[in-house]
Amino acid sequence: MKYFARNSLVAVVAILSLAVTAINANATPVSGEVLFAGKFSGNARVFGAMTRFNSFSDVTVTGGSGLYETVPSVPVSMQGFSFTSLPSPVLDIWEFTAGGITYNFDLSSVEIVSRDRGTMVLQGTGFAQISGFESAAGTWTLTAYGSSKTFTAAFDPPTGIPDGGATTVGLLGLSLMLLSVLRKTAVRKH
């Protein structure tokens, strides 16, 4: 019986190792916040008549957290877009490369949160990608300032909710059930 118990334990440990490896094999999702600043031109002189950003210039990364925390102040390529009707996602609305890693964002939706003579705030949803990581959905906010024709923007994917150890407890339960089945099988054979 000692031989069986030792072999069963080895089998359970092997199964757990494979399960944990399979869980960890998935790419880590994009997390953290990245901040930008730059200049813009629109299709009208005042925000009340403006329906699109024609272009962006002098855009740079100004800060970040999470996976964006170590990104230096690098130039960002950003394309213009309509914020009154987004017929389809805008792929790579912003993109930059730092340290050989490419960061970009696909805009899926956009809405006007507020606008007056001096400021306009847009908010949208989309997907951020970083080379080597799993893309993540999140919210993108852009605040434009009319008098200076400048803007700031931030992307913030939702943070993952820890499972509180549910995966570990589940794997432990599965292992104990497997051990019980193996033990009953061994008892019947003796």
N, C-alpha and C. Protein backbone atom coordinates (compact mmCIF):
# COMPACT_ATOMS: atom_id res chain seq x y z
N MET A 1 0.82 -1.19 0.00
CA MET A 1 0.00 0.00 0.00
C MET A 1 0.87 1.26 0.00
N LYS A 2 2.04 1.22 0.69
CA LYS A 2 2.92 2.37 0.70
C LYS A 2 3.41 2.68 -0.71
N TYR A 3 3.70 1.64 -1.48
CA TYR A 3 4.14 1.81 -2.86
C TYR A 3 3.06 2.53 -3.66
N PHE A 4 1.80 2.08 -3.48
CA PHE A 4 0.69 2.70 -4.19
C PHE A 4 0.52 4.16 -3.79
N ALA A 5 0.58 4.45 -2.51
CA ALA A 5 0.40 5.82 -2.03
C ALA A 5 1.48 6.73 -2.60
N ARG A 6 2.74 6.25 -2.62
CA ARG A 6 3.82 7.08 -3.16
C ARG A 6 3.62 7.32 -4.66
N ASN A 7 3.25 6.29 -5.42
CA ASN A 7 3.01 6.44 -6.86
C ASN A 7 1.79 7.31 -7.14
N SER A 8 0.76 7.20 -6.30
CA SER A 8 -0.43 8.05 -6.48
C SER A 8 -0.08 9.50 -6.24
N LEU A 9 0.73 9.74 -5.22
CA LEU A 9 1.13 11.10 -4.92
C LEU A 9 1.95 11.68 -6.07
N VAL A 10 2.84 10.89 -6.63
CA VAL A 10 3.64 11.32 -7.77
C VAL A 10 2.71 11.65 -8.95
N ALA A 11 1.71 10.82 -9.18
CA ALA A 11 0.76 11.05 -10.27
C ALA A 11 -0.02 12.34 -10.06
N VAL A 12 -0.47 12.57 -8.83
CA VAL A 12 -1.23 13.78 -8.53
C VAL A 12 -0.35 15.02 -8.72
N VAL A 13 0.88 14.97 -8.24
CA VAL A 13 1.79 16.11 -8.40
C VAL A 13 2.05 16.37 -9.89
N ALA A 14 2.22 15.32 -10.66
CA ALA A 14 2.45 15.48 -12.11
C ALA A 14 1.24 16.13 -12.78
N ILE A 15 0.05 15.68 -12.41
CA ILE A 15 -1.18 16.26 -13.00
C ILE A 15 -1.31 17.73 -12.61
N LEU A 16 -1.06 18.04 -11.34
CA LEU A 16 -1.12 19.44 -10.89
C LEU A 16 -0.10 20.30 -11.63
N SER A 17 1.10 19.78 -11.80
CA SER A 17 2.14 20.53 -12.51
C SER A 17 1.71 20.84 -13.94
N LEU A 18 1.13 19.85 -14.60
CA LEU A 18 0.65 20.07 -15.97
C LEU A 18 -0.47 21.09 -16.01
N ALA A 19 -1.38 21.02 -15.04
CA ALA A 19 -2.51 21.96 -15.01
C ALA A 19 -2.01 23.38 -14.77
N VAL A 20 -1.10 23.56 -13.83
CA VAL A 20 -0.56 24.89 -13.56
C VAL A 20 0.21 25.42 -14.75
N THR A 21 0.98 24.56 -15.41
CA THR A 21 1.71 24.97 -16.61
C THR A 21 0.75 25.40 -17.71
N ALA A 22 -0.34 24.67 -17.88
CA ALA A 22 -1.33 25.02 -18.90
C ALA A 22 -1.98 26.36 -18.60
N ILE A 23 -2.26 26.61 -17.32
CA ILE A 23 -2.88 27.88 -16.94
C ILE A 23 -1.91 29.03 -17.20
N ASN A 24 -0.64 28.85 -16.84
CA ASN A 24 0.36 29.91 -16.99
C ASN A 24 0.86 30.07 -18.42
N ALA A 25 0.51 29.15 -19.33
CA ALA A 25 0.97 29.23 -20.71
C ALA A 25 0.29 30.35 -21.47
N ASN A 26 -0.86 30.81 -20.99
CA ASN A 26 -1.55 31.90 -21.66
C ASN A 26 -0.74 33.19 -21.50
N ALA A 27 -0.79 34.05 -22.51
CA ALA A 27 -0.07 35.32 -22.45
C ALA A 27 -0.70 36.21 -21.38
N THR A 28 0.13 37.01 -20.76
CA THR A 28 -0.34 37.97 -19.77
C THR A 28 -1.07 39.09 -20.49
N PRO A 29 -2.26 39.48 -20.01
CA PRO A 29 -2.97 40.57 -20.69
C PRO A 29 -2.34 41.93 -20.41
N VAL A 30 -2.53 42.85 -21.33
CA VAL A 30 -2.06 44.21 -21.19
C VAL A 30 -2.70 44.82 -19.94
N SER A 31 -1.89 45.50 -19.14
CA SER A 31 -2.42 46.18 -17.96
C SER A 31 -1.64 47.46 -17.72
N GLY A 32 -2.25 48.38 -17.05
CA GLY A 32 -1.61 49.65 -16.74
C GLY A 32 -2.23 50.78 -17.52
N GLU A 33 -1.73 51.97 -17.27
CA GLU A 33 -2.25 53.17 -17.91
C GLU A 33 -1.11 53.86 -18.64
N VAL A 34 -1.43 54.42 -19.82
CA VAL A 34 -0.44 55.21 -20.55
C VAL A 34 -1.05 56.58 -20.84
N LEU A 35 -0.22 57.63 -20.72
CA LEU A 35 -0.67 59.00 -20.91
C LEU A 35 0.08 59.63 -22.08
N PHE A 36 -0.63 60.46 -22.86
CA PHE A 36 -0.07 61.16 -24.02
C PHE A 36 -0.37 62.65 -23.92
N ALA A 37 0.36 63.42 -24.70
CA ALA A 37 0.04 64.84 -24.88
C ALA A 37 0.55 65.24 -26.26
N GLY A 38 -0.09 66.23 -26.86
CA GLY A 38 0.33 66.70 -28.17
C GLY A 38 -0.57 67.79 -28.69
N LYS A 39 -0.46 68.01 -30.00
CA LYS A 39 -1.25 69.04 -30.68
C LYS A 39 -2.22 68.38 -31.65
N PHE A 40 -3.28 69.11 -32.02
CA PHE A 40 -4.26 68.57 -32.97
C PHE A 40 -4.72 69.66 -33.92
N SER A 41 -5.30 69.21 -35.03
CA SER A 41 -6.05 70.11 -35.91
C SER A 41 -7.39 69.43 -36.18
N GLY A 42 -8.43 70.24 -36.24
CA GLY A 42 -9.77 69.71 -36.46
C GLY A 42 -10.38 70.26 -37.73
N ASN A 43 -11.58 69.80 -38.04
CA ASN A 43 -12.24 70.25 -39.26
C ASN A 43 -13.06 71.51 -39.06
N ALA A 44 -12.99 72.13 -37.88
CA ALA A 44 -13.65 73.42 -37.62
C ALA A 44 -12.84 74.16 -36.56
N ARG A 45 -13.04 75.47 -36.49
CA ARG A 45 -12.28 76.29 -35.54
C ARG A 45 -12.80 76.19 -34.12
N VAL A 46 -14.08 75.90 -33.94
CA VAL A 46 -14.67 75.81 -32.60
C VAL A 46 -15.19 74.40 -32.35
N PHE A 47 -15.14 73.99 -31.10
CA PHE A 47 -15.57 72.62 -30.76
C PHE A 47 -17.03 72.35 -31.10
N GLY A 48 -17.89 73.36 -31.00
CA GLY A 48 -19.30 73.16 -31.30
C GLY A 48 -19.57 72.71 -32.72
N ALA A 49 -18.71 73.11 -33.67
CA ALA A 49 -18.88 72.75 -35.07
C ALA A 49 -17.96 71.61 -35.51
N MET A 50 -17.02 71.26 -34.67
CA MET A 50 -16.03 70.24 -35.02
C MET A 50 -16.64 68.83 -34.93
N THR A 51 -16.32 68.00 -35.94
CA THR A 51 -16.82 66.61 -35.95
C THR A 51 -15.70 65.58 -36.07
N ARG A 52 -14.49 66.07 -36.32
CA ARG A 52 -13.37 65.13 -36.45
C ARG A 52 -12.04 65.82 -36.14
N PHE A 53 -11.10 65.00 -35.74
CA PHE A 53 -9.71 65.44 -35.63
C PHE A 53 -9.06 65.07 -36.95
N ASN A 54 -8.56 66.07 -37.67
CA ASN A 54 -7.91 65.80 -38.95
C ASN A 54 -6.54 65.17 -38.75
N SER A 55 -5.79 65.71 -37.78
CA SER A 55 -4.45 65.18 -37.55
C SER A 55 -3.98 65.49 -36.14
N PHE A 56 -2.93 64.78 -35.74
CA PHE A 56 -2.27 65.00 -34.45
C PHE A 56 -0.78 65.17 -34.73
N SER A 57 -0.12 66.02 -33.95
CA SER A 57 1.32 66.22 -34.13
C SER A 57 2.00 66.40 -32.78
N ASP A 58 3.32 66.21 -32.78
CA ASP A 58 4.13 66.36 -31.57
C ASP A 58 3.58 65.56 -30.40
N VAL A 59 3.05 64.39 -30.68
CA VAL A 59 2.47 63.55 -29.62
C VAL A 59 3.59 62.73 -28.99
N THR A 60 3.63 62.73 -27.66
CA THR A 60 4.62 61.95 -26.92
C THR A 60 3.97 61.28 -25.72
N VAL A 61 4.60 60.21 -25.27
CA VAL A 61 4.18 59.54 -24.04
C VAL A 61 4.64 60.44 -22.88
N THR A 62 3.73 60.71 -21.94
CA THR A 62 4.07 61.59 -20.81
C THR A 62 4.10 60.84 -19.48
N GLY A 63 3.68 59.59 -19.45
CA GLY A 63 3.70 58.83 -18.21
C GLY A 63 3.00 57.51 -18.38
N GLY A 64 3.06 56.70 -17.34
CA GLY A 64 2.39 55.42 -17.42
C GLY A 64 2.53 54.62 -16.14
N SER A 65 1.79 53.55 -16.07
CA SER A 65 1.86 52.62 -14.95
C SER A 65 1.74 51.21 -15.50
N GLY A 66 1.95 50.22 -14.65
CA GLY A 66 1.85 48.84 -15.10
C GLY A 66 2.86 48.55 -16.19
N LEU A 67 2.42 47.94 -17.28
CA LEU A 67 3.32 47.59 -18.38
C LEU A 67 3.85 48.81 -19.13
N TYR A 68 3.25 49.98 -18.88
CA TYR A 68 3.70 51.22 -19.52
C TYR A 68 4.62 52.03 -18.61
N GLU A 69 4.87 51.56 -17.40
CA GLU A 69 5.60 52.34 -16.41
C GLU A 69 7.02 52.70 -16.83
N THR A 70 7.70 51.83 -17.53
CA THR A 70 9.09 52.08 -17.90
C THR A 70 9.25 52.70 -19.29
N VAL A 71 8.13 53.00 -19.95
CA VAL A 71 8.21 53.60 -21.29
C VAL A 71 8.73 55.04 -21.16
N PRO A 72 9.79 55.37 -21.88
CA PRO A 72 10.30 56.75 -21.84
C PRO A 72 9.40 57.68 -22.65
N SER A 73 9.71 58.95 -22.64
CA SER A 73 8.94 59.93 -23.40
C SER A 73 9.31 59.79 -24.88
N VAL A 74 8.59 58.91 -25.58
CA VAL A 74 8.86 58.64 -26.99
C VAL A 74 7.76 59.24 -27.85
N PRO A 75 8.07 59.50 -29.14
CA PRO A 75 7.04 59.99 -30.05
C PRO A 75 5.96 58.94 -30.29
N VAL A 76 4.74 59.42 -30.48
CA VAL A 76 3.59 58.55 -30.73
C VAL A 76 3.00 58.92 -32.08
N SER A 77 2.77 57.92 -32.91
CA SER A 77 2.07 58.13 -34.18
C SER A 77 0.58 58.02 -33.89
N MET A 78 -0.17 59.06 -34.24
CA MET A 78 -1.61 59.06 -33.94
C MET A 78 -2.36 59.57 -35.16
N GLN A 79 -3.42 58.85 -35.53
CA GLN A 79 -4.17 59.24 -36.73
C GLN A 79 -5.48 59.94 -36.38
N GLY A 80 -5.91 60.81 -37.29
CA GLY A 80 -7.17 61.52 -37.11
C GLY A 80 -8.36 60.57 -37.19
N PHE A 81 -9.50 61.03 -36.64
CA PHE A 81 -10.71 60.21 -36.65
C PHE A 81 -11.93 61.09 -36.44
N SER A 82 -13.07 60.60 -36.89
CA SER A 82 -14.35 61.26 -36.65
C SER A 82 -14.85 60.84 -35.28
N PHE A 83 -15.34 61.78 -34.50
CA PHE A 83 -15.86 61.41 -33.20
C PHE A 83 -17.38 61.54 -33.13
N THR A 84 -18.02 61.84 -34.26
CA THR A 84 -19.48 61.87 -34.28
C THR A 84 -20.06 60.61 -34.90
N SER A 85 -19.30 59.94 -35.75
CA SER A 85 -19.74 58.66 -36.29
C SER A 85 -18.50 57.83 -36.58
N LEU A 86 -18.42 56.72 -35.92
CA LEU A 86 -17.29 55.82 -36.09
C LEU A 86 -17.82 54.59 -36.81
N PRO A 87 -17.76 54.57 -38.17
CA PRO A 87 -18.39 53.49 -38.92
C PRO A 87 -17.78 52.12 -38.66
N SER A 88 -16.50 52.09 -38.37
CA SER A 88 -15.83 50.83 -38.07
C SER A 88 -14.66 51.14 -37.15
N PRO A 89 -14.09 50.13 -36.51
CA PRO A 89 -12.97 50.40 -35.62
C PRO A 89 -11.83 51.11 -36.35
N VAL A 90 -11.16 51.99 -35.63
CA VAL A 90 -9.98 52.66 -36.17
C VAL A 90 -8.77 51.89 -35.67
N LEU A 91 -8.16 51.13 -36.57
CA LEU A 91 -7.02 50.31 -36.19
C LEU A 91 -5.78 51.17 -36.00
N ASP A 92 -5.03 50.85 -34.98
CA ASP A 92 -3.80 51.58 -34.66
C ASP A 92 -4.03 53.09 -34.60
N ILE A 93 -5.04 53.51 -33.83
CA ILE A 93 -5.29 54.94 -33.70
C ILE A 93 -4.08 55.62 -33.08
N TRP A 94 -3.41 54.93 -32.18
CA TRP A 94 -2.09 55.39 -31.73
C TRP A 94 -1.14 54.21 -31.68
N GLU A 95 0.14 54.52 -31.91
CA GLU A 95 1.16 53.47 -31.92
C GLU A 95 2.51 54.09 -31.63
N PHE A 96 3.31 53.38 -30.86
CA PHE A 96 4.69 53.80 -30.62
C PHE A 96 5.54 52.57 -30.32
N THR A 97 6.84 52.74 -30.47
CA THR A 97 7.78 51.66 -30.18
C THR A 97 8.80 52.19 -29.18
N ALA A 98 9.06 51.39 -28.16
CA ALA A 98 10.06 51.74 -27.15
C ALA A 98 10.78 50.46 -26.75
N GLY A 99 12.11 50.49 -26.79
CA GLY A 99 12.89 49.33 -26.40
C GLY A 99 12.60 48.09 -27.25
N GLY A 100 12.27 48.30 -28.52
CA GLY A 100 11.97 47.17 -29.41
C GLY A 100 10.58 46.58 -29.23
N ILE A 101 9.78 47.16 -28.36
CA ILE A 101 8.41 46.68 -28.10
C ILE A 101 7.43 47.66 -28.74
N THR A 102 6.44 47.13 -29.46
CA THR A 102 5.43 47.98 -30.10
C THR A 102 4.17 48.01 -29.24
N TYR A 103 3.65 49.21 -29.05
CA TYR A 103 2.43 49.46 -28.27
C TYR A 103 1.43 50.11 -29.23
N ASN A 104 0.19 49.64 -29.25
CA ASN A 104 -0.82 50.30 -30.10
C ASN A 104 -2.22 50.11 -29.53
N PHE A 105 -3.17 50.81 -30.15
CA PHE A 105 -4.55 50.79 -29.67
C PHE A 105 -5.51 50.87 -30.85
N ASP A 106 -6.52 49.99 -30.86
CA ASP A 106 -7.59 50.01 -31.86
C ASP A 106 -8.84 50.59 -31.20
N LEU A 107 -9.34 51.69 -31.73
CA LEU A 107 -10.53 52.36 -31.18
C LEU A 107 -11.79 51.71 -31.72
N SER A 108 -12.67 51.24 -30.82
CA SER A 108 -13.92 50.57 -31.22
C SER A 108 -15.12 51.49 -31.17
N SER A 109 -15.15 52.40 -30.20
CA SER A 109 -16.29 53.31 -30.06
C SER A 109 -15.79 54.62 -29.47
N VAL A 110 -16.55 55.68 -29.71
CA VAL A 110 -16.21 56.99 -29.17
C VAL A 110 -17.48 57.78 -28.94
N GLU A 111 -17.48 58.57 -27.87
CA GLU A 111 -18.62 59.44 -27.58
C GLU A 111 -18.12 60.75 -26.99
N ILE A 112 -18.91 61.79 -27.17
CA ILE A 112 -18.58 63.09 -26.60
C ILE A 112 -19.11 63.10 -25.17
N VAL A 113 -18.22 63.23 -24.21
CA VAL A 113 -18.62 63.30 -22.81
C VAL A 113 -19.05 64.71 -22.47
N SER A 114 -18.27 65.70 -22.93
CA SER A 114 -18.64 67.10 -22.73
C SER A 114 -17.89 67.96 -23.74
N ARG A 115 -18.47 69.12 -24.03
CA ARG A 115 -17.76 70.10 -24.86
C ARG A 115 -18.38 71.47 -24.64
N ASP A 116 -17.48 72.43 -24.56
CA ASP A 116 -17.87 73.82 -24.47
C ASP A 116 -16.88 74.63 -25.31
N ARG A 117 -16.83 75.90 -25.13
CA ARG A 117 -15.94 76.73 -25.97
C ARG A 117 -14.47 76.35 -25.82
N GLY A 118 -14.04 76.03 -24.61
CA GLY A 118 -12.62 75.83 -24.39
C GLY A 118 -12.12 74.41 -24.29
N THR A 119 -13.02 73.47 -24.00
CA THR A 119 -12.58 72.10 -23.74
C THR A 119 -13.58 71.11 -24.30
N MET A 120 -13.05 70.01 -24.80
CA MET A 120 -13.91 68.91 -25.23
C MET A 120 -13.31 67.61 -24.68
N VAL A 121 -14.18 66.77 -24.13
CA VAL A 121 -13.75 65.49 -23.58
C VAL A 121 -14.45 64.37 -24.34
N LEU A 122 -13.65 63.47 -24.89
CA LEU A 122 -14.17 62.29 -25.58
C LEU A 122 -13.78 61.05 -24.79
N GLN A 123 -14.63 60.05 -24.87
CA GLN A 123 -14.30 58.78 -24.25
C GLN A 123 -14.65 57.68 -25.23
N GLY A 124 -13.83 56.67 -25.29
CA GLY A 124 -14.08 55.56 -26.20
C GLY A 124 -13.60 54.26 -25.62
N THR A 125 -13.93 53.19 -26.30
CA THR A 125 -13.47 51.87 -25.91
C THR A 125 -12.67 51.28 -27.05
N GLY A 126 -11.87 50.30 -26.72
CA GLY A 126 -11.08 49.64 -27.74
C GLY A 126 -10.18 48.60 -27.13
N PHE A 127 -9.14 48.23 -27.89
CA PHE A 127 -8.23 47.17 -27.47
C PHE A 127 -6.79 47.64 -27.59
N ALA A 128 -6.05 47.47 -26.51
CA ALA A 128 -4.62 47.80 -26.50
C ALA A 128 -3.82 46.54 -26.76
N GLN A 129 -2.74 46.70 -27.50
CA GLN A 129 -1.83 45.60 -27.76
C GLN A 129 -0.42 46.04 -27.40
N ILE A 130 0.33 45.10 -26.85
CA ILE A 130 1.75 45.27 -26.59
C ILE A 130 2.41 44.00 -27.07
N SER A 131 3.50 44.12 -27.83
CA SER A 131 4.20 42.93 -28.33
C SER A 131 4.46 41.95 -27.19
N GLY A 132 4.06 40.68 -27.40
CA GLY A 132 4.32 39.64 -26.42
C GLY A 132 3.26 39.51 -25.34
N PHE A 133 2.22 40.34 -25.37
CA PHE A 133 1.16 40.28 -24.38
C PHE A 133 -0.18 40.08 -25.07
N GLU A 134 -1.15 39.61 -24.31
CA GLU A 134 -2.50 39.41 -24.83
C GLU A 134 -3.20 40.77 -24.85
N SER A 135 -3.91 41.09 -25.96
CA SER A 135 -4.59 42.39 -26.04
C SER A 135 -5.65 42.48 -24.94
N ALA A 136 -5.96 43.72 -24.55
CA ALA A 136 -6.93 43.94 -23.48
C ALA A 136 -7.87 45.06 -23.88
N ALA A 137 -9.13 44.86 -23.54
CA ALA A 137 -10.13 45.90 -23.76
C ALA A 137 -9.98 46.96 -22.68
N GLY A 138 -10.32 48.18 -23.02
CA GLY A 138 -10.24 49.24 -22.02
C GLY A 138 -10.87 50.52 -22.51
N THR A 139 -10.73 51.54 -21.72
CA THR A 139 -11.31 52.84 -22.01
C THR A 139 -10.22 53.83 -22.38
N TRP A 140 -10.51 54.66 -23.36
CA TRP A 140 -9.57 55.68 -23.81
C TRP A 140 -10.26 57.03 -23.67
N THR A 141 -9.59 57.99 -23.05
CA THR A 141 -10.15 59.32 -22.84
C THR A 141 -9.23 60.34 -23.49
N LEU A 142 -9.82 61.31 -24.19
CA LEU A 142 -9.07 62.38 -24.82
C LEU A 142 -9.68 63.71 -24.40
N THR A 143 -8.87 64.61 -23.90
CA THR A 143 -9.32 65.95 -23.53
C THR A 143 -8.59 66.95 -24.42
N ALA A 144 -9.35 67.71 -25.20
CA ALA A 144 -8.78 68.70 -26.13
C ALA A 144 -9.03 70.11 -25.58
N TYR A 145 -8.02 70.96 -25.76
CA TYR A 145 -8.09 72.34 -25.28
C TYR A 145 -8.06 73.26 -26.49
N GLY A 146 -9.15 73.99 -26.72
CA GLY A 146 -9.31 74.80 -27.92
C GLY A 146 -8.35 75.95 -28.07
N SER A 147 -8.05 76.67 -26.99
CA SER A 147 -7.22 77.87 -27.11
C SER A 147 -5.79 77.53 -27.53
N SER A 148 -5.27 76.39 -27.10
CA SER A 148 -3.89 76.02 -27.44
C SER A 148 -3.80 74.94 -28.50
N LYS A 149 -4.95 74.38 -28.88
CA LYS A 149 -5.00 73.28 -29.85
C LYS A 149 -4.11 72.11 -29.39
N THR A 150 -4.16 71.86 -28.08
CA THR A 150 -3.41 70.74 -27.52
C THR A 150 -4.39 69.73 -26.93
N PHE A 151 -3.89 68.56 -26.61
CA PHE A 151 -4.74 67.55 -26.01
C PHE A 151 -3.92 66.68 -25.07
N THR A 152 -4.62 66.00 -24.19
CA THR A 152 -4.04 64.94 -23.37
C THR A 152 -4.93 63.72 -23.56
N ALA A 153 -4.36 62.56 -23.43
CA ALA A 153 -5.13 61.33 -23.61
C ALA A 153 -4.60 60.28 -22.64
N ALA A 154 -5.47 59.34 -22.30
CA ALA A 154 -5.08 58.24 -21.41
C ALA A 154 -5.80 56.98 -21.84
N PHE A 155 -5.10 55.86 -21.77
CA PHE A 155 -5.72 54.55 -21.98
C PHE A 155 -5.58 53.79 -20.67
N ASP A 156 -6.68 53.17 -20.23
CA ASP A 156 -6.66 52.44 -18.97
C ASP A 156 -7.48 51.16 -19.10
N PRO A 157 -6.81 50.01 -19.30
CA PRO A 157 -7.57 48.76 -19.32
C PRO A 157 -8.04 48.41 -17.92
N PRO A 158 -9.16 47.71 -17.81
CA PRO A 158 -9.62 47.32 -16.48
C PRO A 158 -8.60 46.38 -15.85
N THR A 159 -8.42 46.51 -14.55
CA THR A 159 -7.48 45.62 -13.87
C THR A 159 -8.14 44.28 -13.64
N GLY A 160 -7.35 43.22 -13.75
CA GLY A 160 -7.88 41.88 -13.53
C GLY A 160 -8.33 41.71 -12.09
N ILE A 161 -9.38 40.96 -11.90
CA ILE A 161 -9.88 40.68 -10.57
C ILE A 161 -9.27 39.37 -10.12
N PRO A 162 -8.48 39.38 -9.05
CA PRO A 162 -7.87 38.14 -8.60
C PRO A 162 -8.94 37.13 -8.22
N ASP A 163 -8.64 35.87 -8.44
CA ASP A 163 -9.63 34.84 -8.16
C ASP A 163 -9.65 34.43 -6.69
N GLY A 164 -8.82 35.06 -5.87
CA GLY A 164 -8.83 34.77 -4.45
C GLY A 164 -8.39 33.36 -4.11
N GLY A 165 -7.65 32.73 -5.01
CA GLY A 165 -7.18 31.37 -4.76
C GLY A 165 -8.12 30.31 -5.26
N ALA A 166 -9.17 30.69 -5.97
CA ALA A 166 -10.15 29.71 -6.46
C ALA A 166 -9.50 28.67 -7.37
N THR A 167 -8.55 29.10 -8.21
CA THR A 167 -7.87 28.16 -9.10
C THR A 167 -7.09 27.13 -8.29
N THR A 168 -6.36 27.58 -7.29
CA THR A 168 -5.57 26.68 -6.45
C THR A 168 -6.47 25.70 -5.71
N VAL A 169 -7.54 26.21 -5.12
CA VAL A 169 -8.47 25.34 -4.38
C VAL A 169 -9.11 24.34 -5.33
N GLY A 170 -9.47 24.77 -6.52
CA GLY A 170 -10.06 23.87 -7.51
C GLY A 170 -9.11 22.76 -7.91
N LEU A 171 -7.86 23.12 -8.16
CA LEU A 171 -6.85 22.12 -8.52
C LEU A 171 -6.60 21.16 -7.36
N LEU A 172 -6.58 21.68 -6.14
CA LEU A 172 -6.39 20.81 -4.98
C LEU A 172 -7.55 19.84 -4.85
N GLY A 173 -8.77 20.33 -5.02
CA GLY A 173 -9.95 19.46 -4.96
C GLY A 173 -9.92 18.38 -6.03
N LEU A 174 -9.52 18.77 -7.24
CA LEU A 174 -9.42 17.81 -8.34
C LEU A 174 -8.38 16.74 -8.01
N SER A 175 -7.26 17.16 -7.43
CA SER A 175 -6.21 16.21 -7.07
C SER A 175 -6.69 15.24 -6.00
N LEU A 176 -7.39 15.76 -4.99
CA LEU A 176 -7.89 14.89 -3.92
C LEU A 176 -8.93 13.89 -4.45
N MET A 177 -9.78 14.34 -5.37
CA MET A 177 -10.75 13.41 -5.97
C MET A 177 -10.02 12.33 -6.77
N LEU A 178 -9.00 12.73 -7.52
CA LEU A 178 -8.24 11.76 -8.31
C LEU A 178 -7.53 10.77 -7.40
N LEU A 179 -6.96 11.27 -6.32
CA LEU A 179 -6.29 10.39 -5.35
C LEU A 179 -7.27 9.41 -4.73
N SER A 180 -8.47 9.88 -4.42
CA SER A 180 -9.49 9.00 -3.85
C SER A 180 -9.89 7.90 -4.83
N VAL A 181 -10.06 8.24 -6.09
CA VAL A 181 -10.42 7.24 -7.11
C VAL A 181 -9.29 6.23 -7.26
N LEU A 182 -8.05 6.71 -7.32
CA LEU A 182 -6.92 5.80 -7.45
C LEU A 182 -6.81 4.87 -6.24
N ARG A 183 -7.04 5.40 -5.05
CA ARG A 183 -6.96 4.60 -3.83
C ARG A 183 -8.04 3.52 -3.83
N LYS A 184 -9.28 3.88 -4.21
CA LYS A 184 -10.38 2.90 -4.25
C LYS A 184 -10.09 1.81 -5.27
N THR A 185 -9.51 2.21 -6.41
CA THR A 185 -9.16 1.23 -7.43
C THR A 185 -8.11 0.26 -6.90
N ALA A 186 -7.12 0.75 -6.18
CA ALA A 186 -6.07 -0.09 -5.64
C ALA A 186 -6.61 -1.03 -4.57
N VAL A 187 -7.54 -0.55 -3.74
CA VAL A 187 -8.12 -1.39 -2.69
C VAL A 187 -8.90 -2.54 -3.30
N ARG A 188 -9.64 -2.27 -4.37
CA ARG A 188 -10.42 -3.32 -5.03
C ARG A 188 -9.52 -4.40 -5.64
N LYS A 189 -8.36 -4.02 -6.12
CA LYS A 189 -7.46 -4.98 -6.76
C LYS A 189 -6.77 -5.86 -5.74
N HIS A 190 -6.68 -5.45 -4.46
CA HIS A 190 -5.99 -6.24 -3.45
C HIS A 190 -6.95 -7.08 -2.72
